[in-house]
Amino acid sequence: MCSPIVNLFLNILFVLYFQAHFVVDPKSRKQTIQSIGTKWRNFKHTLYRDYIETQKDDPEQKKSLLNPPLKYPFLKKEDWKLFVAQRTSKQWEETSKKAKKVRAHHKYNHHLSRKGYARLTTEIV
Protein backbone atom coordinates (compact mmCIF):
# COMPACT_ATOMS: atom_id res chain seq x y z
CA MET A 1 0.00 0.00 0.00
CA CYS A 2 1.34 3.39 -0.98
CA SER A 3 1.32 6.51 1.11
CA PRO A 4 -1.12 9.29 0.13
CA ILE A 5 1.76 11.38 -1.25
CA VAL A 6 2.95 8.51 -3.45
CA ASN A 7 -0.63 7.91 -4.64
CA LEU A 8 -1.02 11.58 -5.52
CA PHE A 9 2.29 11.56 -7.38
CA LEU A 10 1.32 8.42 -9.33
CA ASN A 11 -2.06 9.92 -10.19
CA ILE A 12 -0.41 13.08 -11.51
CA LEU A 13 2.03 10.99 -13.57
CA PHE A 14 -0.85 8.96 -14.97
CA VAL A 15 -2.82 12.05 -15.97
CA LEU A 16 0.25 13.56 -17.66
CA TYR A 17 0.93 10.31 -19.51
CA PHE A 18 -2.73 10.04 -20.49
CA GLN A 19 -2.82 13.60 -21.83
CA ALA A 20 0.41 13.10 -23.79
CA HIS A 21 -0.61 9.83 -25.47
CA PHE A 22 -4.37 10.05 -26.00
CA VAL A 23 -6.65 12.62 -27.56
CA VAL A 24 -9.85 12.77 -25.52
CA ASP A 25 -12.58 15.37 -25.61
CA PRO A 26 -12.28 17.49 -22.43
CA LYS A 27 -15.97 16.86 -21.74
CA SER A 28 -15.42 13.12 -21.45
CA ARG A 29 -11.95 13.19 -19.85
CA LYS A 30 -13.15 12.61 -16.29
CA GLN A 31 -15.43 9.73 -17.27
CA THR A 32 -12.67 8.14 -19.36
CA ILE A 33 -10.15 8.29 -16.52
CA GLN A 34 -12.73 6.90 -14.08
CA SER A 35 -13.48 4.05 -16.48
CA ILE A 36 -9.78 3.25 -16.83
CA GLY A 37 -9.45 3.26 -13.02
CA THR A 38 -12.37 0.86 -12.64
CA LYS A 39 -10.99 -1.49 -15.27
CA TRP A 40 -7.53 -1.38 -13.64
CA ARG A 41 -9.01 -2.22 -10.22
CA ASN A 42 -11.04 -5.09 -11.72
CA PHE A 43 -7.97 -6.43 -13.52
CA LYS A 44 -5.96 -6.48 -10.29
CA HIS A 45 -8.81 -8.28 -8.54
CA THR A 46 -8.99 -10.84 -11.35
CA LEU A 47 -5.25 -11.49 -11.07
CA TYR A 48 -5.56 -11.92 -7.31
CA ARG A 49 -8.64 -14.14 -7.49
CA ASP A 50 -7.44 -16.40 -10.30
CA TYR A 51 -3.73 -16.72 -9.58
CA ILE A 52 -2.83 -15.70 -6.03
CA GLU A 53 -5.78 -16.45 -3.75
CA THR A 54 -6.02 -20.08 -4.86
CA GLN A 55 -2.29 -20.76 -4.51
CA LYS A 56 -1.00 -18.63 -1.64
CA ASP A 57 -1.58 -21.18 1.15
CA ASP A 58 -0.15 -24.28 -0.54
CA PRO A 59 3.69 -24.35 -0.47
CA GLU A 60 3.86 -26.44 -3.66
CA GLN A 61 1.60 -24.14 -5.64
CA LYS A 62 3.21 -21.03 -4.17
CA LYS A 63 6.25 -21.73 -6.35
CA SER A 64 4.16 -20.95 -9.42
CA LEU A 65 3.72 -17.40 -8.10
CA LEU A 66 7.36 -16.63 -8.88
CA ASN A 67 6.55 -15.89 -12.52
CA PRO A 68 3.66 -13.90 -13.98
CA PRO A 69 0.84 -15.83 -15.66
CA LEU A 70 1.57 -16.77 -19.27
CA LYS A 71 -1.83 -15.41 -20.23
CA TYR A 72 -0.52 -11.87 -19.58
CA PRO A 73 2.87 -11.58 -21.32
CA PHE A 74 2.98 -7.81 -20.76
CA LEU A 75 3.39 -8.28 -16.99
CA LYS A 76 7.00 -7.77 -15.99
CA LYS A 77 8.51 -10.24 -13.53
CA GLU A 78 9.53 -7.46 -11.10
CA ASP A 79 6.03 -5.96 -11.13
CA TRP A 80 4.49 -9.40 -10.60
CA LYS A 81 6.77 -10.07 -7.61
CA LEU A 82 5.77 -6.75 -6.04
CA PHE A 83 2.09 -7.45 -6.67
CA VAL A 84 2.30 -10.94 -5.13
CA ALA A 85 4.27 -9.61 -2.16
CA GLN A 86 1.65 -6.93 -1.54
CA ARG A 87 -1.32 -9.28 -1.88
CA THR A 88 0.18 -11.93 0.40
CA SER A 89 1.29 -9.54 3.16
CA LYS A 90 -0.25 -9.52 6.63
CA GLN A 91 -1.40 -5.92 6.16
CA TRP A 92 -3.29 -6.88 3.00
CA GLU A 93 -4.90 -9.85 4.76
CA GLU A 94 -6.10 -7.61 7.59
CA THR A 95 -7.48 -5.01 5.16
CA SER A 96 -9.21 -7.73 3.15
CA LYS A 97 -10.79 -9.32 6.23
CA LYS A 98 -12.00 -5.92 7.43
CA ALA A 99 -13.58 -5.15 4.04
CA LYS A 100 -15.24 -8.59 3.90
CA LYS A 101 -16.64 -8.06 7.38
CA VAL A 102 -18.12 -4.67 6.42
CA ARG A 103 -19.49 -6.12 3.18
CA ALA A 104 -21.16 -8.97 5.09
CA HIS A 105 -23.29 -6.42 6.97
CA HIS A 106 -24.84 -5.07 3.76
CA LYS A 107 -28.45 -6.11 3.65
CA TYR A 108 -28.98 -5.35 -0.04
CA ASN A 109 -26.65 -5.37 -3.00
CA HIS A 110 -26.46 -2.21 -5.06
CA HIS A 111 -29.14 -2.57 -7.72
CA LEU A 112 -30.32 0.92 -8.60
CA SER A 113 -28.17 1.10 -11.72
CA ARG A 114 -27.46 4.72 -12.70
CA LYS A 115 -30.90 5.80 -11.63
CA GLY A 116 -30.28 6.64 -7.97
CA TYR A 117 -32.87 7.08 -5.25
CA ALA A 118 -34.28 10.37 -6.56
CA ARG A 119 -35.36 8.93 -9.91
CA LEU A 120 -36.45 5.66 -8.31
CA THR A 121 -38.86 7.45 -5.96
CA THR A 122 -40.37 9.42 -8.84
CA GLU A 123 -40.82 6.17 -10.74
CA ILE A 124 -42.50 4.43 -7.78
CA VAL A 125 -44.80 7.36 -6.95
C-alpha atoms as a PDB file:
ATOM      1  CA  MET A   1       0.000   0.000   0.000  1.00  0.00           C
ATOM      2  CA  CYS A   2       1.344   3.386  -0.977  1.00  0.00           C
ATOM      3  CA  SER A   3       1.321   6.513   1.108  1.00  0.00           C
ATOM      4  CA  PRO A   4      -1.116   9.295   0.126  1.00  0.00           C
ATOM      5  CA  ILE A   5       1.764  11.379  -1.246  1.00  0.00           C
ATOM      6  CA  VAL A   6       2.951   8.514  -3.455  1.00  0.00           C
ATOM      7  CA  ASN A   7      -0.628   7.907  -4.639  1.00  0.00           C
ATOM      8  CA  LEU A   8      -1.015  11.584  -5.516  1.00  0.00           C
ATOM      9  CA  PHE A   9       2.291  11.564  -7.385  1.00  0.00           C
ATOM     10  CA  LEU A  10       1.325   8.420  -9.330  1.00  0.00           C
ATOM     11  CA  ASN A  11      -2.063   9.916 -10.187  1.00  0.00           C
ATOM     12  CA  ILE A  12      -0.406  13.077 -11.515  1.00  0.00           C
ATOM     13  CA  LEU A  13       2.033  10.994 -13.573  1.00  0.00           C
ATOM     14  CA  PHE A  14      -0.850   8.957 -14.973  1.00  0.00           C
ATOM     15  CA  VAL A  15      -2.824  12.049 -15.971  1.00  0.00           C
ATOM     16  CA  LEU A  16       0.247  13.565 -17.658  1.00  0.00           C
ATOM     17  CA  TYR A  17       0.925  10.306 -19.511  1.00  0.00           C
ATOM     18  CA  PHE A  18      -2.732  10.041 -20.486  1.00  0.00           C
ATOM     19  CA  GLN A  19      -2.820  13.600 -21.834  1.00  0.00           C
ATOM     20  CA  ALA A  20       0.408  13.097 -23.795  1.00  0.00           C
ATOM     21  CA  HIS A  21      -0.614   9.835 -25.474  1.00  0.00           C
ATOM     22  CA  PHE A  22      -4.372  10.048 -25.998  1.00  0.00           C
ATOM     23  CA  VAL A  23      -6.652  12.621 -27.559  1.00  0.00           C
ATOM     24  CA  VAL A  24      -9.850  12.771 -25.517  1.00  0.00           C
ATOM     25  CA  ASP A  25     -12.577  15.371 -25.607  1.00  0.00           C
ATOM     26  CA  PRO A  26     -12.279  17.491 -22.431  1.00  0.00           C
ATOM     27  CA  LYS A  27     -15.970  16.864 -21.737  1.00  0.00           C
ATOM     28  CA  SER A  28     -15.421  13.118 -21.452  1.00  0.00           C
ATOM     29  CA  ARG A  29     -11.952  13.191 -19.850  1.00  0.00           C
ATOM     30  CA  LYS A  30     -13.152  12.607 -16.290  1.00  0.00           C
ATOM     31  CA  GLN A  31     -15.432   9.734 -17.274  1.00  0.00           C
ATOM     32  CA  THR A  32     -12.674   8.136 -19.363  1.00  0.00           C
ATOM     33  CA  ILE A  33     -10.145   8.292 -16.523  1.00  0.00           C
ATOM     34  CA  GLN A  34     -12.730   6.899 -14.082  1.00  0.00           C
ATOM     35  CA  SER A  35     -13.479   4.053 -16.481  1.00  0.00           C
ATOM     36  CA  ILE A  36      -9.776   3.254 -16.827  1.00  0.00           C
ATOM     37  CA  GLY A  37      -9.451   3.258 -13.024  1.00  0.00           C
ATOM     38  CA  THR A  38     -12.372   0.858 -12.639  1.00  0.00           C
ATOM     39  CA  LYS A  39     -10.987  -1.492 -15.273  1.00  0.00           C
ATOM     40  CA  TRP A  40      -7.529  -1.385 -13.642  1.00  0.00           C
ATOM     41  CA  ARG A  41      -9.011  -2.218 -10.224  1.00  0.00           C
ATOM     42  CA  ASN A  42     -11.039  -5.088 -11.721  1.00  0.00           C
ATOM     43  CA  PHE A  43      -7.966  -6.434 -13.525  1.00  0.00           C
ATOM     44  CA  LYS A  44      -5.956  -6.481 -10.289  1.00  0.00           C
ATOM     45  CA  HIS A  45      -8.812  -8.278  -8.541  1.00  0.00           C
ATOM     46  CA  THR A  46      -8.991 -10.842 -11.349  1.00  0.00           C
ATOM     47  CA  LEU A  47      -5.251 -11.495 -11.074  1.00  0.00           C
ATOM     48  CA  TYR A  48      -5.556 -11.923  -7.314  1.00  0.00           C
ATOM     49  CA  ARG A  49      -8.640 -14.144  -7.492  1.00  0.00           C
ATOM     50  CA  ASP A  50      -7.441 -16.404 -10.304  1.00  0.00           C
ATOM     51  CA  TYR A  51      -3.731 -16.722  -9.576  1.00  0.00           C
ATOM     52  CA  ILE A  52      -2.829 -15.699  -6.028  1.00  0.00           C
ATOM     53  CA  GLU A  53      -5.776 -16.450  -3.750  1.00  0.00           C
ATOM     54  CA  THR A  54      -6.020 -20.079  -4.858  1.00  0.00           C
ATOM     55  CA  GLN A  55      -2.286 -20.762  -4.505  1.00  0.00           C
ATOM     56  CA  LYS A  56      -1.000 -18.635  -1.637  1.00  0.00           C
ATOM     57  CA  ASP A  57      -1.577 -21.183   1.155  1.00  0.00           C
ATOM     58  CA  ASP A  58      -0.146 -24.284  -0.542  1.00  0.00           C
ATOM     59  CA  PRO A  59       3.688 -24.345  -0.468  1.00  0.00           C
ATOM     60  CA  GLU A  60       3.858 -26.444  -3.656  1.00  0.00           C
ATOM     61  CA  GLN A  61       1.598 -24.142  -5.640  1.00  0.00           C
ATOM     62  CA  LYS A  62       3.208 -21.030  -4.166  1.00  0.00           C
ATOM     63  CA  LYS A  63       6.255 -21.734  -6.355  1.00  0.00           C
ATOM     64  CA  SER A  64       4.155 -20.951  -9.422  1.00  0.00           C
ATOM     65  CA  LEU A  65       3.718 -17.401  -8.101  1.00  0.00           C
ATOM     66  CA  LEU A  66       7.362 -16.625  -8.877  1.00  0.00           C
ATOM     67  CA  ASN A  67       6.550 -15.891 -12.522  1.00  0.00           C
ATOM     68  CA  PRO A  68       3.664 -13.897 -13.980  1.00  0.00           C
ATOM     69  CA  PRO A  69       0.843 -15.827 -15.655  1.00  0.00           C
ATOM     70  CA  LEU A  70       1.566 -16.771 -19.266  1.00  0.00           C
ATOM     71  CA  LYS A  71      -1.834 -15.407 -20.234  1.00  0.00           C
ATOM     72  CA  TYR A  72      -0.525 -11.872 -19.576  1.00  0.00           C
ATOM     73  CA  PRO A  73       2.873 -11.583 -21.321  1.00  0.00           C
ATOM     74  CA  PHE A  74       2.978  -7.810 -20.758  1.00  0.00           C
ATOM     75  CA  LEU A  75       3.390  -8.284 -16.989  1.00  0.00           C
ATOM     76  CA  LYS A  76       7.004  -7.774 -15.993  1.00  0.00           C
ATOM     77  CA  LYS A  77       8.513 -10.236 -13.531  1.00  0.00           C
ATOM     78  CA  GLU A  78       9.529  -7.457 -11.105  1.00  0.00           C
ATOM     79  CA  ASP A  79       6.029  -5.962 -11.135  1.00  0.00           C
ATOM     80  CA  TRP A  80       4.488  -9.400 -10.604  1.00  0.00           C
ATOM     81  CA  LYS A  81       6.767 -10.072  -7.605  1.00  0.00           C
ATOM     82  CA  LEU A  82       5.771  -6.748  -6.036  1.00  0.00           C
ATOM     83  CA  PHE A  83       2.086  -7.454  -6.670  1.00  0.00           C
ATOM     84  CA  VAL A  84       2.298 -10.944  -5.135  1.00  0.00           C
ATOM     85  CA  ALA A  85       4.265  -9.609  -2.155  1.00  0.00           C
ATOM     86  CA  GLN A  86       1.646  -6.933  -1.536  1.00  0.00           C
ATOM     87  CA  ARG A  87      -1.318  -9.282  -1.882  1.00  0.00           C
ATOM     88  CA  THR A  88       0.184 -11.935   0.399  1.00  0.00           C
ATOM     89  CA  SER A  89       1.290  -9.537   3.155  1.00  0.00           C
ATOM     90  CA  LYS A  90      -0.248  -9.519   6.634  1.00  0.00           C
ATOM     91  CA  GLN A  91      -1.399  -5.922   6.163  1.00  0.00           C
ATOM     92  CA  TRP A  92      -3.289  -6.881   2.998  1.00  0.00           C
ATOM     93  CA  GLU A  93      -4.897  -9.854   4.759  1.00  0.00           C
ATOM     94  CA  GLU A  94      -6.104  -7.605   7.586  1.00  0.00           C
ATOM     95  CA  THR A  95      -7.479  -5.012   5.163  1.00  0.00           C
ATOM     96  CA  SER A  96      -9.207  -7.725   3.149  1.00  0.00           C
ATOM     97  CA  LYS A  97     -10.788  -9.317   6.231  1.00  0.00           C
ATOM     98  CA  LYS A  98     -11.999  -5.920   7.425  1.00  0.00           C
ATOM     99  CA  ALA A  99     -13.580  -5.151   4.039  1.00  0.00           C
ATOM    100  CA  LYS A 100     -15.235  -8.589   3.899  1.00  0.00           C
ATOM    101  CA  LYS A 101     -16.644  -8.061   7.381  1.00  0.00           C
ATOM    102  CA  VAL A 102     -18.116  -4.667   6.423  1.00  0.00           C
ATOM    103  CA  ARG A 103     -19.494  -6.120   3.182  1.00  0.00           C
ATOM    104  CA  ALA A 104     -21.164  -8.973   5.089  1.00  0.00           C
ATOM    105  CA  HIS A 105     -23.290  -6.419   6.967  1.00  0.00           C
ATOM    106  CA  HIS A 106     -24.836  -5.071   3.758  1.00  0.00           C
ATOM    107  CA  LYS A 107     -28.446  -6.115   3.648  1.00  0.00           C
ATOM    108  CA  TYR A 108     -28.976  -5.350  -0.039  1.00  0.00           C
ATOM    109  CA  ASN A 109     -26.652  -5.371  -3.002  1.00  0.00           C
ATOM    110  CA  HIS A 110     -26.460  -2.207  -5.060  1.00  0.00           C
ATOM    111  CA  HIS A 111     -29.136  -2.569  -7.722  1.00  0.00           C
ATOM    112  CA  LEU A 112     -30.320   0.923  -8.601  1.00  0.00           C
ATOM    113  CA  SER A 113     -28.170   1.096 -11.723  1.00  0.00           C
ATOM    114  CA  ARG A 114     -27.455   4.717 -12.703  1.00  0.00           C
ATOM    115  CA  LYS A 115     -30.903   5.802 -11.630  1.00  0.00           C
ATOM    116  CA  GLY A 116     -30.283   6.636  -7.971  1.00  0.00           C
ATOM    117  CA  TYR A 117     -32.873   7.083  -5.249  1.00  0.00           C
ATOM    118  CA  ALA A 118     -34.282  10.368  -6.559  1.00  0.00           C
ATOM    119  CA  ARG A 119     -35.357   8.929  -9.908  1.00  0.00           C
ATOM    120  CA  LEU A 120     -36.454   5.661  -8.309  1.00  0.00           C
ATOM    121  CA  THR A 121     -38.857   7.452  -5.956  1.00  0.00           C
ATOM    122  CA  THR A 122     -40.370   9.425  -8.841  1.00  0.00           C
ATOM    123  CA  GLU A 123     -40.820   6.167 -10.737  1.00  0.00           C
ATOM    124  CA  ILE A 124     -42.497   4.428  -7.780  1.00  0.00           C
ATOM    125  CA  VAL A 125     -44.796   7.364  -6.954  1.00  0.00           C
END
